[in-house]
Amino acid sequence: MDAGLNFTALFCARRLAFAFAIVFLDQILSNQIYVSMFTTLGMASWHITYLPMMDRWNNFVYLFNELVLLVLTYYIFLFSGYLPTLEQKFMFGYVYLGVLAFSFVVNIGCMGAMTYLSIKKYLDLKQMRKDYRDE
């Protein structure tokens, strides 16, 4: 079976696991976090193994986002009662926002780079066609 079809099926199964965790584990926050961590870890390991996207940029962006999601899911444990003081929670909250902002900047940068390369490729192809017609 094609890796792209497997990716879609696994993505939907992960969303279904999230939904079941929210509905059936509504009183047990740590188990909801475990479901999120293990499904994210599973998707990241599957993605590393098969690289289902067509180009390197998309594979990098998806894997980067999965790993950021995994790190941020680990941080959720810190807000669920494991940190005793409010100051520590605020400090880790700022770190959480910093990781989130870094992820945002990397994603915007990758989208900009992919757009630039696509436009450059299009213009080069257009120039090659023009040169071919002129000969």
Foldseek 3Di string as FASTA:
>chain_A
DAPVVVLVVLVVVLVVLLVCCCVVVVPPVVVSLVSQLVSLVVSLVSCVVPVRDDDDLVSVLVNVVSVLSNVLSVLVVVVPPPDDDPVVVVVSVVVNVVSVVVNVVVVVVSVVVVVVVVVVVVVVVVVVVVVVVVD
